[in-house]
């Protein structure tokens, strides 16, 4: 029992002294996964579906708490009628952390723009995505993100649809 108490005391002390690497000149590597339910409305027709989205990312902190980066996109969607599609793309993003870099818990906002297409057509589509949520730093380099996401999507055919989702991300912050 004394060993267990000592273990938790050491972990608690370590957690209180975490200093996150969200400062100028550092890199960030990681990604986010989202699961969502969608509704597509087009020409008086409505189609429901589900999807899984994976967004690996690479970012660089140009100033403290503010990063620019690029993220590829991989999406699997399945419509109510049974049709499915795999989409892929890439695009830039900006990210800002609101609290001090030394905080163990922080809050982020993220805005990205993605160019994407899929295997079923040669359409070039775009998406504007917004996300925000808490970030929990396990140590100075590793963080877990829990975000609320909102995506505005536009197909080349002028069809538009929006997705609201929950995301879970994992980031590794590399010191300069």
C-alpha atoms as a PDB file:
ATOM      1  CA  UNK A   1       0.000   0.000   0.000  1.00  0.00           C
ATOM      2  CA  UNK A   2       2.881   2.363   0.780  1.00  0.00           C
ATOM      3  CA  UNK A   3       4.335   1.681  -2.689  1.00  0.00           C
ATOM      4  CA  UNK A   4       1.045   2.575  -4.349  1.00  0.00           C
ATOM      5  CA  UNK A   5       0.756   5.785  -2.331  1.00  0.00           C
ATOM      6  CA  UNK A   6       4.341   6.730  -3.208  1.00  0.00           C
ATOM      7  CA  UNK A   7       3.659   6.011  -6.904  1.00  0.00           C
ATOM      8  CA  UNK A   8       0.604   8.332  -6.985  1.00  0.00           C
ATOM      9  CA  UNK A   9       2.496  11.022  -5.086  1.00  0.00           C
ATOM     10  CA  UNK A  10       5.315  10.947  -7.669  1.00  0.00           C
ATOM     11  CA  UNK A  11       2.850  11.014 -10.582  1.00  0.00           C
ATOM     12  CA  UNK A  12       0.897  13.895  -9.015  1.00  0.00           C
ATOM     13  CA  UNK A  13       4.083  15.908  -8.415  1.00  0.00           C
ATOM     14  CA  UNK A  14       5.285  15.279 -11.970  1.00  0.00           C
ATOM     15  CA  UNK A  15       1.938  16.311 -13.445  1.00  0.00           C
ATOM     16  CA  UNK A  16       1.966  19.599 -11.543  1.00  0.00           C
ATOM     17  CA  UNK A  17       5.378  20.515 -12.989  1.00  0.00           C
ATOM     18  CA  UNK A  18       4.549  19.862 -16.666  1.00  0.00           C
ATOM     19  CA  UNK A  19       5.715  22.574 -19.082  1.00  0.00           C
ATOM     20  CA  UNK A  20       4.113  22.184 -22.517  1.00  0.00           C
ATOM     21  CA  UNK A  21       6.136  22.775 -25.674  1.00  0.00           C
ATOM     22  CA  UNK A  22       3.748  25.209 -27.388  1.00  0.00           C
ATOM     23  CA  UNK A  23       6.408  27.870 -27.742  1.00  0.00           C
ATOM     24  CA  UNK A  24       8.039  29.538 -30.736  1.00  0.00           C
ATOM     25  CA  UNK A  25      10.296  27.317 -32.820  1.00  0.00           C
ATOM     26  CA  UNK A  26       8.825  23.964 -31.712  1.00  0.00           C
ATOM     27  CA  UNK A  27       7.175  21.349 -33.933  1.00  0.00           C
ATOM     28  CA  UNK A  28       3.935  19.458 -33.401  1.00  0.00           C
ATOM     29  CA  UNK A  29       3.176  16.031 -34.927  1.00  0.00           C
ATOM     30  CA  UNK A  30      -0.017  14.079 -34.368  1.00  0.00           C
ATOM     31  CA  UNK A  31      -3.536  13.682 -35.583  1.00  0.00           C
ATOM     32  CA  UNK A  32      -7.248  13.618 -34.890  1.00  0.00           C
ATOM     33  CA  UNK A  33      -9.987  11.086 -35.490  1.00  0.00           C
ATOM     34  CA  UNK A  34     -13.658  12.038 -35.865  1.00  0.00           C
ATOM     35  CA  UNK A  35     -16.805   9.950 -36.091  1.00  0.00           C
ATOM     36  CA  UNK A  36     -19.918  11.675 -37.381  1.00  0.00           C
ATOM     37  CA  UNK A  37     -23.469  11.333 -38.587  1.00  0.00           C
ATOM     38  CA  UNK A  38     -24.372  13.512 -41.579  1.00  0.00           C
ATOM     39  CA  UNK A  39     -27.355  14.705 -43.543  1.00  0.00           C
ATOM     40  CA  UNK A  40     -26.962  15.769 -47.184  1.00  0.00           C
ATOM     41  CA  UNK A  41     -29.686  17.902 -48.752  1.00  0.00           C
ATOM     42  CA  UNK A  42     -29.635  18.318 -52.526  1.00  0.00           C
ATOM     43  CA  UNK A  43     -32.450  19.241 -54.926  1.00  0.00           C
ATOM     44  CA  UNK A  44     -35.240  18.437 -52.444  1.00  0.00           C
ATOM     45  CA  UNK A  45     -33.642  15.081 -51.625  1.00  0.00           C
ATOM     46  CA  UNK A  46     -32.233  14.177 -48.207  1.00  0.00           C
ATOM     47  CA  UNK A  47     -29.650  11.470 -47.569  1.00  0.00           C
ATOM     48  CA  UNK A  48     -28.359  10.399 -44.174  1.00  0.00           C
ATOM     49  CA  UNK A  49     -25.023   8.747 -43.539  1.00  0.00           C
ATOM     50  CA  UNK A  50     -22.161   8.084 -41.160  1.00  0.00           C
ATOM     51  CA  UNK A  51     -18.467   8.703 -41.519  1.00  0.00           C
ATOM     52  CA  UNK A  52     -15.029   8.261 -40.043  1.00  0.00           C
ATOM     53  CA  UNK A  53     -12.392  10.937 -40.611  1.00  0.00           C
ATOM     54  CA  UNK A  54      -8.649  10.742 -39.888  1.00  0.00           C
ATOM     55  CA  UNK A  55      -6.478  13.880 -39.999  1.00  0.00           C
ATOM     56  CA  UNK A  56      -2.754  13.438 -39.312  1.00  0.00           C
ATOM     57  CA  UNK A  57      -0.976  16.771 -38.944  1.00  0.00           C
ATOM     58  CA  UNK A  58       2.381  18.529 -38.871  1.00  0.00           C
ATOM     59  CA  UNK A  59       2.668  22.027 -37.411  1.00  0.00           C
ATOM     60  CA  UNK A  60       5.261  24.639 -36.467  1.00  0.00           C
ATOM     61  CA  UNK A  61       4.885  27.283 -33.751  1.00  0.00           C
ATOM     62  CA  UNK A  62       5.749  30.607 -35.409  1.00  0.00           C
ATOM     63  CA  UNK A  63       5.166  32.414 -32.094  1.00  0.00           C
ATOM     64  CA  UNK A  64       4.250  31.185 -28.614  1.00  0.00           C
ATOM     65  CA  UNK A  65       0.863  29.385 -28.618  1.00  0.00           C
ATOM     66  CA  UNK A  66       0.265  29.932 -32.391  1.00  0.00           C
ATOM     67  CA  UNK A  67       1.029  27.206 -34.953  1.00  0.00           C
ATOM     68  CA  UNK A  68       0.750  26.915 -38.735  1.00  0.00           C
ATOM     69  CA  UNK A  69       0.657  23.526 -40.362  1.00  0.00           C
ATOM     70  CA  UNK A  70      -0.560  21.087 -42.959  1.00  0.00           C
ATOM     71  CA  UNK A  71      -2.896  18.137 -42.577  1.00  0.00           C
ATOM     72  CA  UNK A  72      -3.780  15.293 -44.938  1.00  0.00           C
ATOM     73  CA  UNK A  73      -7.370  14.030 -44.815  1.00  0.00           C
ATOM     74  CA  UNK A  74      -8.730  10.484 -45.090  1.00  0.00           C
ATOM     75  CA  UNK A  75     -12.519   9.956 -44.881  1.00  0.00           C
ATOM     76  CA  UNK A  76     -14.761   6.911 -45.131  1.00  0.00           C
ATOM     77  CA  UNK A  77     -18.489   7.642 -45.551  1.00  0.00           C
ATOM     78  CA  UNK A  78     -21.446   5.316 -45.864  1.00  0.00           C
ATOM     79  CA  UNK A  79     -24.849   6.582 -46.985  1.00  0.00           C
ATOM     80  CA  UNK A  80     -28.194   5.295 -45.772  1.00  0.00           C
ATOM     81  CA  UNK A  81     -28.751   3.589 -49.151  1.00  0.00           C
ATOM     82  CA  UNK A  82     -25.599   1.492 -48.644  1.00  0.00           C
ATOM     83  CA  UNK A  83     -23.257   3.396 -50.982  1.00  0.00           C
ATOM     84  CA  UNK A  84     -19.856   4.194 -49.542  1.00  0.00           C
ATOM     85  CA  UNK A  85     -16.922   6.375 -50.561  1.00  0.00           C
ATOM     86  CA  UNK A  86     -13.338   6.966 -49.553  1.00  0.00           C
ATOM     87  CA  UNK A  87     -12.116  10.555 -49.807  1.00  0.00           C
ATOM     88  CA  UNK A  88      -8.643  12.003 -49.393  1.00  0.00           C
ATOM     89  CA  UNK A  89      -7.168  15.478 -49.436  1.00  0.00           C
ATOM     90  CA  UNK A  90      -4.726  17.932 -47.936  1.00  0.00           C
ATOM     91  CA  UNK A  91      -4.758  21.496 -46.671  1.00  0.00           C
ATOM     92  CA  UNK A  92      -3.296  24.148 -44.377  1.00  0.00           C
ATOM     93  CA  UNK A  93      -4.410  25.015 -40.857  1.00  0.00           C
ATOM     94  CA  UNK A  94      -3.808  27.545 -38.072  1.00  0.00           C
ATOM     95  CA  UNK A  95      -4.046  26.706 -34.395  1.00  0.00           C
ATOM     96  CA  UNK A  96      -4.019  28.820 -31.244  1.00  0.00           C
ATOM     97  CA  UNK A  97      -3.730  27.819 -27.568  1.00  0.00           C
ATOM     98  CA  UNK A  98      -5.399  30.262 -25.171  1.00  0.00           C
ATOM     99  CA  UNK A  99      -3.731  29.581 -21.835  1.00  0.00           C
ATOM    100  CA  UNK A 100      -0.106  29.909 -20.715  1.00  0.00           C
ATOM    101  CA  UNK A 101       2.355  27.359 -22.195  1.00  0.00           C
ATOM    102  CA  UNK A 102       3.198  26.011 -18.729  1.00  0.00           C
ATOM    103  CA  UNK A 103      -0.419  24.967 -18.014  1.00  0.00           C
ATOM    104  CA  UNK A 104      -1.098  21.234 -17.878  1.00  0.00           C
ATOM    105  CA  UNK A 105      -4.598  21.801 -19.280  1.00  0.00           C
ATOM    106  CA  UNK A 106      -5.059  24.236 -22.162  1.00  0.00           C
ATOM    107  CA  UNK A 107      -7.762  25.215 -24.664  1.00  0.00           C
ATOM    108  CA  UNK A 108      -7.228  25.230 -28.420  1.00  0.00           C
ATOM    109  CA  UNK A 109      -8.951  26.629 -31.477  1.00  0.00           C
ATOM    110  CA  UNK A 110      -8.170  25.389 -34.952  1.00  0.00           C
ATOM    111  CA  UNK A 111      -9.228  26.527 -38.420  1.00  0.00           C
ATOM    112  CA  UNK A 112      -8.335  24.531 -41.526  1.00  0.00           C
ATOM    113  CA  UNK A 113      -9.057  24.489 -45.245  1.00  0.00           C
ATOM    114  CA  UNK A 114      -8.942  21.232 -47.216  1.00  0.00           C
ATOM    115  CA  UNK A 115      -8.957  20.352 -50.914  1.00  0.00           C
ATOM    116  CA  UNK A 116     -10.230  16.804 -51.386  1.00  0.00           C
ATOM    117  CA  UNK A 117     -11.683  14.278 -53.806  1.00  0.00           C
ATOM    118  CA  UNK A 118     -12.723  10.623 -53.819  1.00  0.00           C
ATOM    119  CA  UNK A 119     -12.338   7.419 -55.785  1.00  0.00           C
ATOM    120  CA  UNK A 120     -15.923   7.521 -57.135  1.00  0.00           C
ATOM    121  CA  UNK A 121     -15.508  10.732 -59.160  1.00  0.00           C
ATOM    122  CA  UNK A 122     -12.978  13.259 -60.379  1.00  0.00           C
ATOM    123  CA  UNK A 123     -14.647  16.114 -58.470  1.00  0.00           C
ATOM    124  CA  UNK A 124     -12.448  18.521 -56.576  1.00  0.00           C
ATOM    125  CA  UNK A 125     -14.193  19.492 -53.348  1.00  0.00           C
ATOM    126  CA  UNK A 126     -13.314  21.869 -50.517  1.00  0.00           C
ATOM    127  CA  UNK A 127     -13.974  21.999 -46.786  1.00  0.00           C
ATOM    128  CA  UNK A 128     -13.541  24.657 -44.143  1.00  0.00           C
ATOM    129  CA  UNK A 129     -13.230  23.158 -40.678  1.00  0.00           C
ATOM    130  CA  UNK A 130     -13.384  24.686 -37.227  1.00  0.00           C
ATOM    131  CA  UNK A 131     -12.625  22.948 -33.964  1.00  0.00           C
ATOM    132  CA  UNK A 132     -12.126  23.891 -30.339  1.00  0.00           C
ATOM    133  CA  UNK A 133     -11.704  22.100 -27.066  1.00  0.00           C
ATOM    134  CA  UNK A 134      -9.546  21.200 -24.098  1.00  0.00           C
ATOM    135  CA  UNK A 135      -6.027  19.772 -24.327  1.00  0.00           C
ATOM    136  CA  UNK A 136      -4.531  17.642 -21.565  1.00  0.00           C
ATOM    137  CA  UNK A 137      -0.716  17.475 -21.467  1.00  0.00           C
ATOM    138  CA  UNK A 138       0.554  14.215 -19.946  1.00  0.00           C
ATOM    139  CA  UNK A 139       4.086  15.638 -19.890  1.00  0.00           C
ATOM    140  CA  UNK A 140       5.918  18.442 -21.713  1.00  0.00           C
ATOM    141  CA  UNK A 141       5.656  16.661 -25.066  1.00  0.00           C
ATOM    142  CA  UNK A 142       2.514  14.495 -25.226  1.00  0.00           C
ATOM    143  CA  UNK A 143      -1.053  15.841 -25.309  1.00  0.00           C
ATOM    144  CA  UNK A 144      -4.574  14.480 -25.695  1.00  0.00           C
ATOM    145  CA  UNK A 145      -7.187  16.717 -27.389  1.00  0.00           C
ATOM    146  CA  UNK A 146     -10.968  16.485 -27.126  1.00  0.00           C
ATOM    147  CA  UNK A 147     -12.679  18.767 -29.640  1.00  0.00           C
ATOM    148  CA  UNK A 148     -16.032  19.817 -31.018  1.00  0.00           C
ATOM    149  CA  UNK A 149     -15.748  20.120 -34.809  1.00  0.00           C
ATOM    150  CA  UNK A 150     -17.807  21.868 -37.458  1.00  0.00           C
ATOM    151  CA  UNK A 151     -17.071  21.353 -41.171  1.00  0.00           C
ATOM    152  CA  UNK A 152     -18.532  23.323 -44.094  1.00  0.00           C
ATOM    153  CA  UNK A 153     -18.149  21.217 -47.238  1.00  0.00           C
ATOM    154  CA  UNK A 154     -18.719  22.192 -50.862  1.00  0.00           C
ATOM    155  CA  UNK A 155     -18.692  19.804 -53.808  1.00  0.00           C
ATOM    156  CA  UNK A 156     -17.621  20.918 -57.272  1.00  0.00           C
ATOM    157  CA  UNK A 157     -21.288  20.392 -58.284  1.00  0.00           C
ATOM    158  CA  UNK A 158     -22.284  23.284 -55.934  1.00  0.00           C
ATOM    159  CA  UNK A 159     -23.788  20.855 -53.415  1.00  0.00           C
ATOM    160  CA  UNK A 160     -23.066  21.961 -49.865  1.00  0.00           C
ATOM    161  CA  UNK A 161     -23.298  20.118 -46.585  1.00  0.00           C
ATOM    162  CA  UNK A 162     -22.225  20.646 -42.990  1.00  0.00           C
ATOM    163  CA  UNK A 163     -20.934  18.183 -40.412  1.00  0.00           C
ATOM    164  CA  UNK A 164     -20.865  18.540 -36.648  1.00  0.00           C
ATOM    165  CA  UNK A 165     -18.649  15.966 -34.899  1.00  0.00           C
ATOM    166  CA  UNK A 166     -16.677  15.077 -31.809  1.00  0.00           C
ATOM    167  CA  UNK A 167     -12.954  14.542 -32.205  1.00  0.00           C
ATOM    168  CA  UNK A 168     -10.200  12.883 -30.255  1.00  0.00           C
ATOM    169  CA  UNK A 169      -6.609  13.802 -31.038  1.00  0.00           C
ATOM    170  CA  UNK A 170      -3.108  12.953 -29.954  1.00  0.00           C
ATOM    171  CA  UNK A 171      -0.172  15.343 -30.385  1.00  0.00           C
ATOM    172  CA  UNK A 172       3.562  15.105 -29.781  1.00  0.00           C
ATOM    173  CA  UNK A 173       5.283  18.449 -29.263  1.00  0.00           C
ATOM    174  CA  UNK A 174       8.948  18.429 -30.255  1.00  0.00           C
ATOM    175  CA  UNK A 175      11.308  20.861 -28.587  1.00  0.00           C
ATOM    176  CA  UNK A 176      13.600  22.953 -30.793  1.00  0.00           C
END
